[in-house]
Amino acid sequence: MQRRTFLAAAGAAGVTAFAGCLGSSSSGTPDNNTNGYETISVDGSNAQVPLAPIDDVYQWFQDESAKFVDARGQRQYDASHIKGAVLSPAPDGQANDPTGAWEKSQRIVTYCGCPHHLSSMRAASLIDSGYTEVFALDEGFFTWRDRGYPLQGSEVDVEPPSYTIRGQTDASLAGQNAWARHEASGQREAGPIADDGSFELVLHFFDVTESSPIVVETPAYRVERPLGELADTVVTNVNR
């Protein structure tokens, strides 16, 4: 069973597990809008999303010089989110999205738990919509939480378990996204498909056990099985 808590991910094993959460590509070359940060690209967008380190982001939080966007889902947001953050799920927000009232020049920090696949998707969408100073929190929500930085929500002291789902699809789909969903609660996670067709999804879902049905979907196939079974195998289209 490939199951571990987020605290275990703080070690070297966690670096490997988080690889599936990154954007489709990254670059160490800054441009005028990235503050010199590493950037990543997202499938379907020309935007280069800068990954802002948590030390800088926390300074912006203290200075009240940035607004925060939670790119996860309603269930995760209700349980625990950065103090003052709004819910605006990846990739394109929601009806009557709160970001619609913000100035295009507003500094915005998006975040998720993976640590930054959903957040980079939401950031790219905001950049494509004309916002000029948008960043994704590099280390993700759980590093913010582990540092004891300000949170709000009904379950700020609850840390959901972490499950890793690995899969394989056609290599021609490289750069596109694979998704995992718990449809009963609306929780979801995404990850890019690698050049060899492999993908990795790291789930931090509330109210989910190994017997919970999870949908794994790529552009080529859809599989629905209990989480424990999905985490024990490499998901492919033969698992339908």
C-alpha atoms as a PDB file:
ATOM      1  CA  MET A   1       0.000   0.000   0.000  1.00  0.00           C
ATOM      2  CA  GLN A   2       1.500   3.305  -1.090  1.00  0.00           C
ATOM      3  CA  ARG A   3       0.068   5.327   1.763  1.00  0.00           C
ATOM      4  CA  ARG A   4       1.801   7.894   3.926  1.00  0.00           C
ATOM      5  CA  THR A   5       1.020  11.007   5.900  1.00  0.00           C
ATOM      6  CA  PHE A   6       2.133  14.458   4.812  1.00  0.00           C
ATOM      7  CA  LEU A   7       4.623  14.590   7.681  1.00  0.00           C
ATOM      8  CA  ALA A   8       6.417  11.607   6.215  1.00  0.00           C
ATOM      9  CA  ALA A   9       6.564  13.475   2.922  1.00  0.00           C
ATOM     10  CA  ALA A  10       8.853  16.035   4.469  1.00  0.00           C
ATOM     11  CA  GLY A  11      11.725  13.583   3.931  1.00  0.00           C
ATOM     12  CA  ALA A  12      13.420  12.504   0.738  1.00  0.00           C
ATOM     13  CA  ALA A  13      10.586  10.138  -0.156  1.00  0.00           C
ATOM     14  CA  GLY A  14       8.217  13.074  -0.271  1.00  0.00           C
ATOM     15  CA  VAL A  15      10.242  14.756  -3.000  1.00  0.00           C
ATOM     16  CA  THR A  16       9.582  11.832  -5.302  1.00  0.00           C
ATOM     17  CA  ALA A  17       5.918  11.664  -4.396  1.00  0.00           C
ATOM     18  CA  PHE A  18       5.355  15.327  -5.097  1.00  0.00           C
ATOM     19  CA  ALA A  19       6.883  15.079  -8.576  1.00  0.00           C
ATOM     20  CA  GLY A  20       3.478  14.182  -9.998  1.00  0.00           C
ATOM     21  CA  CYS A  21       1.997  17.424  -8.717  1.00  0.00           C
ATOM     22  CA  LEU A  22       4.174  19.799 -10.683  1.00  0.00           C
ATOM     23  CA  GLY A  23       3.197  21.620 -13.846  1.00  0.00           C
ATOM     24  CA  SER A  24       3.984  20.172 -17.232  1.00  0.00           C
ATOM     25  CA  SER A  25       7.345  21.903 -17.454  1.00  0.00           C
ATOM     26  CA  SER A  26       9.515  24.351 -15.556  1.00  0.00           C
ATOM     27  CA  SER A  27      12.154  26.916 -16.283  1.00  0.00           C
ATOM     28  CA  GLY A  28      14.801  28.624 -14.235  1.00  0.00           C
ATOM     29  CA  THR A  29      14.830  31.625 -16.572  1.00  0.00           C
ATOM     30  CA  PRO A  30      13.020  34.623 -15.068  1.00  0.00           C
ATOM     31  CA  ASP A  31      11.204  37.307 -17.021  1.00  0.00           C
ATOM     32  CA  ASN A  32      10.052  40.768 -16.029  1.00  0.00           C
ATOM     33  CA  ASN A  33       6.889  39.536 -14.291  1.00  0.00           C
ATOM     34  CA  THR A  34       8.271  36.689 -12.156  1.00  0.00           C
ATOM     35  CA  ASN A  35      10.462  38.428  -9.531  1.00  0.00           C
ATOM     36  CA  GLY A  36      13.263  36.096 -10.649  1.00  0.00           C
ATOM     37  CA  TYR A  37      11.387  33.003  -9.445  1.00  0.00           C
ATOM     38  CA  GLU A  38      11.349  29.660 -11.218  1.00  0.00           C
ATOM     39  CA  THR A  39       8.349  29.378 -13.503  1.00  0.00           C
ATOM     40  CA  ILE A  40       6.218  26.506 -14.699  1.00  0.00           C
ATOM     41  CA  SER A  41       3.890  26.129 -17.663  1.00  0.00           C
ATOM     42  CA  VAL A  42       0.463  24.527 -17.729  1.00  0.00           C
ATOM     43  CA  ASP A  43      -1.118  22.538 -20.539  1.00  0.00           C
ATOM     44  CA  GLY A  44      -3.411  24.689 -22.641  1.00  0.00           C
ATOM     45  CA  SER A  45      -1.930  28.027 -21.540  1.00  0.00           C
ATOM     46  CA  ASN A  46       0.967  30.153 -22.727  1.00  0.00           C
ATOM     47  CA  ALA A  47       1.384  31.656 -19.258  1.00  0.00           C
ATOM     48  CA  GLN A  48       4.562  31.141 -17.278  1.00  0.00           C
ATOM     49  CA  VAL A  49       3.518  30.808 -13.636  1.00  0.00           C
ATOM     50  CA  PRO A  50       6.122  31.997 -11.106  1.00  0.00           C
ATOM     51  CA  LEU A  51       6.565  29.789  -8.020  1.00  0.00           C
ATOM     52  CA  ALA A  52       6.896  32.105  -5.044  1.00  0.00           C
ATOM     53  CA  PRO A  53       8.770  30.689  -2.011  1.00  0.00           C
ATOM     54  CA  ILE A  54       6.863  30.541   1.232  1.00  0.00           C
ATOM     55  CA  ASP A  55       9.151  32.984   3.056  1.00  0.00           C
ATOM     56  CA  ASP A  56       8.329  35.701   0.525  1.00  0.00           C
ATOM     57  CA  VAL A  57       4.648  34.783   0.479  1.00  0.00           C
ATOM     58  CA  TYR A  58       4.384  34.954   4.251  1.00  0.00           C
ATOM     59  CA  GLN A  59       5.961  38.411   4.163  1.00  0.00           C
ATOM     60  CA  TRP A  60       3.299  39.499   1.662  1.00  0.00           C
ATOM     61  CA  PHE A  61       0.668  38.032   3.991  1.00  0.00           C
ATOM     62  CA  GLN A  62       2.025  40.026   6.918  1.00  0.00           C
ATOM     63  CA  ASP A  63       2.257  43.190   4.810  1.00  0.00           C
ATOM     64  CA  GLU A  64      -1.273  42.627   3.472  1.00  0.00           C
ATOM     65  CA  SER A  65       0.179  43.180   0.006  1.00  0.00           C
ATOM     66  CA  ALA A  66      -1.350  40.079  -1.613  1.00  0.00           C
ATOM     67  CA  LYS A  67      -4.700  38.350  -1.899  1.00  0.00           C
ATOM     68  CA  PHE A  68      -4.842  34.556  -1.554  1.00  0.00           C
ATOM     69  CA  VAL A  69      -6.710  32.052  -3.713  1.00  0.00           C
ATOM     70  CA  ASP A  70      -7.426  28.484  -2.606  1.00  0.00           C
ATOM     71  CA  ALA A  71      -7.440  26.424  -5.807  1.00  0.00           C
ATOM     72  CA  ARG A  72      -8.736  23.230  -4.172  1.00  0.00           C
ATOM     73  CA  GLY A  73     -12.404  22.331  -3.625  1.00  0.00           C
ATOM     74  CA  GLN A  74     -15.161  23.387  -1.248  1.00  0.00           C
ATOM     75  CA  ARG A  75     -14.641  20.520   1.211  1.00  0.00           C
ATOM     76  CA  GLN A  76     -10.937  21.189   1.674  1.00  0.00           C
ATOM     77  CA  TYR A  77     -11.503  24.943   1.845  1.00  0.00           C
ATOM     78  CA  ASP A  78     -14.204  24.618   4.504  1.00  0.00           C
ATOM     79  CA  ALA A  79     -11.960  22.383   6.620  1.00  0.00           C
ATOM     80  CA  SER A  80      -8.865  24.580   6.548  1.00  0.00           C
ATOM     81  CA  HIS A  81      -7.525  27.432   4.443  1.00  0.00           C
ATOM     82  CA  ILE A  82      -5.074  30.318   4.679  1.00  0.00           C
ATOM     83  CA  LYS A  83      -6.632  33.104   6.692  1.00  0.00           C
ATOM     84  CA  GLY A  84      -8.440  35.522   4.412  1.00  0.00           C
ATOM     85  CA  ALA A  85      -8.140  33.330   1.298  1.00  0.00           C
ATOM     86  CA  VAL A  86     -11.042  33.006  -1.118  1.00  0.00           C
ATOM     87  CA  LEU A  87     -12.159  29.792  -2.792  1.00  0.00           C
ATOM     88  CA  SER A  88     -11.550  29.824  -6.545  1.00  0.00           C
ATOM     89  CA  PRO A  89     -11.124  26.224  -7.728  1.00  0.00           C
ATOM     90  CA  ALA A  90      -8.774  25.216 -10.537  1.00  0.00           C
ATOM     91  CA  PRO A  91      -8.711  25.602 -13.391  1.00  0.00           C
ATOM     92  CA  ASP A  92     -11.093  28.525 -14.005  1.00  0.00           C
ATOM     93  CA  GLY A  93     -12.778  29.441 -10.730  1.00  0.00           C
ATOM     94  CA  GLN A  94     -16.520  29.278 -10.147  1.00  0.00           C
ATOM     95  CA  ALA A  95     -19.722  31.202 -10.821  1.00  0.00           C
ATOM     96  CA  ASN A  96     -19.525  34.707  -9.337  1.00  0.00           C
ATOM     97  CA  ASP A  97     -15.867  34.079  -8.600  1.00  0.00           C
ATOM     98  CA  PRO A  98     -14.502  36.506  -5.985  1.00  0.00           C
ATOM     99  CA  THR A  99     -11.422  37.236  -8.084  1.00  0.00           C
ATOM    100  CA  GLY A 100     -13.653  38.941 -10.639  1.00  0.00           C
ATOM    101  CA  ALA A 101     -13.892  42.008  -8.404  1.00  0.00           C
ATOM    102  CA  TRP A 102     -10.127  42.430  -8.045  1.00  0.00           C
ATOM    103  CA  GLU A 103      -7.970  44.882  -9.952  1.00  0.00           C
ATOM    104  CA  LYS A 104      -5.911  43.330 -12.731  1.00  0.00           C
ATOM    105  CA  SER A 105      -2.767  44.664 -11.051  1.00  0.00           C
ATOM    106  CA  GLN A 106      -3.572  43.018  -7.701  1.00  0.00           C
ATOM    107  CA  ARG A 107      -0.848  40.711  -6.402  1.00  0.00           C
ATOM    108  CA  ILE A 108      -2.425  37.247  -6.143  1.00  0.00           C
ATOM    109  CA  VAL A 109      -1.051  34.050  -4.610  1.00  0.00           C
ATOM    110  CA  THR A 110      -2.736  30.778  -5.507  1.00  0.00           C
ATOM    111  CA  TYR A 111      -2.167  27.617  -3.494  1.00  0.00           C
ATOM    112  CA  CYS A 112      -3.169  23.967  -3.232  1.00  0.00           C
ATOM    113  CA  GLY A 113      -1.972  20.924  -1.321  1.00  0.00           C
ATOM    114  CA  CYS A 114      -0.093  18.989  -3.964  1.00  0.00           C
ATOM    115  CA  PRO A 115       1.948  21.381  -3.614  1.00  0.00           C
ATOM    116  CA  HIS A 116       1.336  23.377  -6.784  1.00  0.00           C
ATOM    117  CA  HIS A 117      -0.405  21.671  -9.666  1.00  0.00           C
ATOM    118  CA  LEU A 118      -3.952  22.897  -9.077  1.00  0.00           C
ATOM    119  CA  SER A 119      -2.580  26.245  -7.940  1.00  0.00           C
ATOM    120  CA  SER A 120      -0.486  26.651 -11.094  1.00  0.00           C
ATOM    121  CA  MET A 121      -3.522  25.795 -13.215  1.00  0.00           C
ATOM    122  CA  ARG A 122      -5.579  28.477 -11.461  1.00  0.00           C
ATOM    123  CA  ALA A 123      -2.705  30.968 -11.645  1.00  0.00           C
ATOM    124  CA  ALA A 124      -2.300  30.364 -15.382  1.00  0.00           C
ATOM    125  CA  SER A 125      -6.006  30.954 -15.917  1.00  0.00           C
ATOM    126  CA  LEU A 126      -5.830  34.236 -14.009  1.00  0.00           C
ATOM    127  CA  ILE A 127      -2.789  35.343 -16.022  1.00  0.00           C
ATOM    128  CA  ASP A 128      -4.606  34.451 -19.243  1.00  0.00           C
ATOM    129  CA  SER A 129      -7.500  36.626 -17.996  1.00  0.00           C
ATOM    130  CA  GLY A 130      -5.242  39.645 -17.728  1.00  0.00           C
ATOM    131  CA  TYR A 131      -4.034  39.630 -14.117  1.00  0.00           C
ATOM    132  CA  THR A 132      -0.441  40.801 -14.150  1.00  0.00           C
ATOM    133  CA  GLU A 133       1.035  39.771 -10.798  1.00  0.00           C
ATOM    134  CA  VAL A 134       0.028  36.194 -10.066  1.00  0.00           C
ATOM    135  CA  PHE A 135       2.129  33.607  -8.223  1.00  0.00           C
ATOM    136  CA  ALA A 136       1.681  30.026  -7.051  1.00  0.00           C
ATOM    137  CA  LEU A 137       2.877  29.151  -3.546  1.00  0.00           C
ATOM    138  CA  ASP A 138       5.857  26.902  -4.251  1.00  0.00           C
ATOM    139  CA  GLU A 139       5.787  24.687  -1.145  1.00  0.00           C
ATOM    140  CA  GLY A 140       1.992  24.384  -0.993  1.00  0.00           C
ATOM    141  CA  PHE A 141      -0.661  24.627   1.677  1.00  0.00           C
ATOM    142  CA  PHE A 142       0.627  21.955   4.028  1.00  0.00           C
ATOM    143  CA  THR A 143       3.999  23.649   4.513  1.00  0.00           C
ATOM    144  CA  TRP A 144       2.084  26.802   5.480  1.00  0.00           C
ATOM    145  CA  ARG A 145       0.080  24.705   7.919  1.00  0.00           C
ATOM    146  CA  ASP A 146       3.128  22.936   9.368  1.00  0.00           C
ATOM    147  CA  ARG A 147       4.803  26.274  10.070  1.00  0.00           C
ATOM    148  CA  GLY A 148       1.863  27.356  12.174  1.00  0.00           C
ATOM    149  CA  TYR A 149       0.937  30.271   9.928  1.00  0.00           C
ATOM    150  CA  PRO A 150      -2.624  31.677  10.242  1.00  0.00           C
ATOM    151  CA  LEU A 151      -5.489  29.439   9.140  1.00  0.00           C
ATOM    152  CA  GLN A 152      -9.271  29.509   9.148  1.00  0.00           C
ATOM    153  CA  GLY A 153     -11.803  26.701   8.856  1.00  0.00           C
ATOM    154  CA  SER A 154     -13.819  24.134  10.766  1.00  0.00           C
ATOM    155  CA  GLU A 155     -10.996  21.545  11.012  1.00  0.00           C
ATOM    156  CA  VAL A 156      -7.735  23.476  11.120  1.00  0.00           C
ATOM    157  CA  ASP A 157      -6.174  20.856  13.413  1.00  0.00           C
ATOM    158  CA  VAL A 158      -7.107  17.914  11.171  1.00  0.00           C
ATOM    159  CA  GLU A 159      -4.543  16.638   8.684  1.00  0.00           C
ATOM    160  CA  PRO A 160      -6.029  14.325   6.038  1.00  0.00           C
ATOM    161  CA  PRO A 161      -4.086  11.194   5.109  1.00  0.00           C
ATOM    162  CA  SER A 162      -2.037  11.232   1.927  1.00  0.00           C
ATOM    163  CA  TYR A 163      -2.428   8.573  -0.779  1.00  0.00           C
ATOM    164  CA  THR A 164      -0.385   8.245  -3.969  1.00  0.00           C
ATOM    165  CA  ILE A 165      -1.988   6.876  -7.128  1.00  0.00           C
ATOM    166  CA  ARG A 166       0.321   6.029 -10.028  1.00  0.00           C
ATOM    167  CA  GLY A 167      -0.865   5.325 -13.539  1.00  0.00           C
ATOM    168  CA  GLN A 168       0.041   4.850 -17.169  1.00  0.00           C
ATOM    169  CA  THR A 169      -1.585   6.076 -20.346  1.00  0.00           C
ATOM    170  CA  ASP A 170      -0.559   6.732 -23.942  1.00  0.00           C
ATOM    171  CA  ALA A 171       2.694   8.687 -24.300  1.00  0.00           C
ATOM    172  CA  SER A 172       1.056  10.827 -27.000  1.00  0.00           C
ATOM    173  CA  LEU A 173      -0.912  12.491 -24.176  1.00  0.00           C
ATOM    174  CA  ALA A 174       2.238  13.884 -22.511  1.00  0.00           C
ATOM    175  CA  GLY A 175       1.663  17.316 -21.016  1.00  0.00           C
ATOM    176  CA  GLN A 176      -2.068  16.819 -20.575  1.00  0.00           C
ATOM    177  CA  ASN A 177      -3.650  16.112 -17.193  1.00  0.00           C
ATOM    178  CA  ALA A 178      -4.754  13.052 -15.269  1.00  0.00           C
ATOM    179  CA  TRP A 179      -7.380  13.570 -12.565  1.00  0.00           C
ATOM    180  CA  ALA A 180      -8.508  11.774  -9.412  1.00  0.00           C
ATOM    181  CA  ARG A 181     -11.940  12.565  -7.996  1.00  0.00           C
ATOM    182  CA  HIS A 182     -13.999  11.603  -4.971  1.00  0.00           C
ATOM    183  CA  GLU A 183     -17.340  12.365  -6.535  1.00  0.00           C
ATOM    184  CA  ALA A 184     -19.390  12.111  -3.343  1.00  0.00           C
ATOM    185  CA  SER A 185     -17.571  15.068  -1.796  1.00  0.00           C
ATOM    186  CA  GLY A 186     -16.377  16.879  -4.921  1.00  0.00           C
ATOM    187  CA  GLN A 187     -12.715  16.626  -3.914  1.00  0.00           C
ATOM    188  CA  ARG A 188     -10.255  16.249  -6.753  1.00  0.00           C
ATOM    189  CA  GLU A 189      -6.586  16.327  -7.637  1.00  0.00           C
ATOM    190  CA  ALA A 190      -4.700  16.585 -10.918  1.00  0.00           C
ATOM    191  CA  GLY A 191      -1.230  15.865 -12.226  1.00  0.00           C
ATOM    192  CA  PRO A 192       0.556  16.102 -15.570  1.00  0.00           C
ATOM    193  CA  ILE A 193       1.140  13.127 -17.815  1.00  0.00           C
ATOM    194  CA  ALA A 194       4.884  12.621 -18.322  1.00  0.00           C
ATOM    195  CA  ASP A 195       6.686  12.056 -21.611  1.00  0.00           C
ATOM    196  CA  ASP A 196       6.446   8.269 -21.185  1.00  0.00           C
ATOM    197  CA  GLY A 197       2.710   8.387 -20.425  1.00  0.00           C
ATOM    198  CA  SER A 198       3.109   7.864 -16.683  1.00  0.00           C
ATOM    199  CA  PHE A 199       1.433  10.031 -14.067  1.00  0.00           C
ATOM    200  CA  GLU A 200       1.297  10.360 -10.302  1.00  0.00           C
ATOM    201  CA  LEU A 201      -1.512  11.822  -8.185  1.00  0.00           C
ATOM    202  CA  VAL A 202      -1.033  12.701  -4.522  1.00  0.00           C
ATOM    203  CA  LEU A 203      -4.377  12.907  -2.717  1.00  0.00           C
ATOM    204  CA  HIS A 204      -5.076  14.838   0.500  1.00  0.00           C
ATOM    205  CA  PHE A 205      -8.820  14.175   0.769  1.00  0.00           C
ATOM    206  CA  PHE A 206     -11.047  14.526   3.831  1.00  0.00           C
ATOM    207  CA  ASP A 207     -13.647  11.850   4.716  1.00  0.00           C
ATOM    208  CA  VAL A 208     -11.975   9.292   2.456  1.00  0.00           C
ATOM    209  CA  THR A 209     -10.857   5.768   3.370  1.00  0.00           C
ATOM    210  CA  GLU A 210      -9.288   2.924   1.432  1.00  0.00           C
ATOM    211  CA  SER A 211     -12.774   1.640   0.577  1.00  0.00           C
ATOM    212  CA  SER A 212     -13.951   4.966  -0.871  1.00  0.00           C
ATOM    213  CA  PRO A 213     -14.624   4.917  -4.633  1.00  0.00           C
ATOM    214  CA  ILE A 214     -12.234   7.161  -6.538  1.00  0.00           C
ATOM    215  CA  VAL A 215     -12.443   8.030 -10.223  1.00  0.00           C
ATOM    216  CA  VAL A 216      -9.141   8.251 -12.108  1.00  0.00           C
ATOM    217  CA  GLU A 217      -9.493   9.861 -15.507  1.00  0.00           C
ATOM    218  CA  THR A 218      -7.107  10.625 -18.362  1.00  0.00           C
ATOM    219  CA  PRO A 219      -7.977  11.806 -21.882  1.00  0.00           C
ATOM    220  CA  ALA A 220      -7.819   8.116 -22.896  1.00  0.00           C
ATOM    221  CA  TYR A 221      -9.797   6.319 -20.181  1.00  0.00           C
ATOM    222  CA  ARG A 222     -11.808   6.476 -16.965  1.00  0.00           C
ATOM    223  CA  VAL A 223     -11.424   4.042 -14.046  1.00  0.00           C
ATOM    224  CA  GLU A 224     -13.488   3.904 -10.846  1.00  0.00           C
ATOM    225  CA  ARG A 225     -12.284   1.649  -8.024  1.00  0.00           C
ATOM    226  CA  PRO A 226     -11.770   1.747  -4.237  1.00  0.00           C
ATOM    227  CA  LEU A 227      -8.897   3.992  -3.241  1.00  0.00           C
ATOM    228  CA  GLY A 228      -6.972   1.137  -1.602  1.00  0.00           C
ATOM    229  CA  GLU A 229      -6.991  -0.857  -4.840  1.00  0.00           C
ATOM    230  CA  LEU A 230      -5.911   2.123  -6.922  1.00  0.00           C
ATOM    231  CA  ALA A 231      -3.003   2.875  -4.582  1.00  0.00           C
ATOM    232  CA  ASP A 232      -1.844  -0.760  -4.732  1.00  0.00           C
ATOM    233  CA  THR A 233      -1.389  -0.934  -8.493  1.00  0.00           C
ATOM    234  CA  VAL A 234      -0.427   1.049 -11.570  1.00  0.00           C
ATOM    235  CA  VAL A 235      -3.673   2.308 -13.068  1.00  0.00           C
ATOM    236  CA  THR A 236      -4.115   1.644 -16.789  1.00  0.00           C
ATOM    237  CA  ASN A 237      -7.012   1.392 -19.206  1.00  0.00           C
ATOM    238  CA  VAL A 238      -7.179  -2.382 -18.622  1.00  0.00           C
ATOM    239  CA  ASN A 239      -8.518  -1.612 -15.127  1.00  0.00           C
ATOM    240  CA  ARG A 240     -11.895  -0.529 -16.503  1.00  0.00           C
END
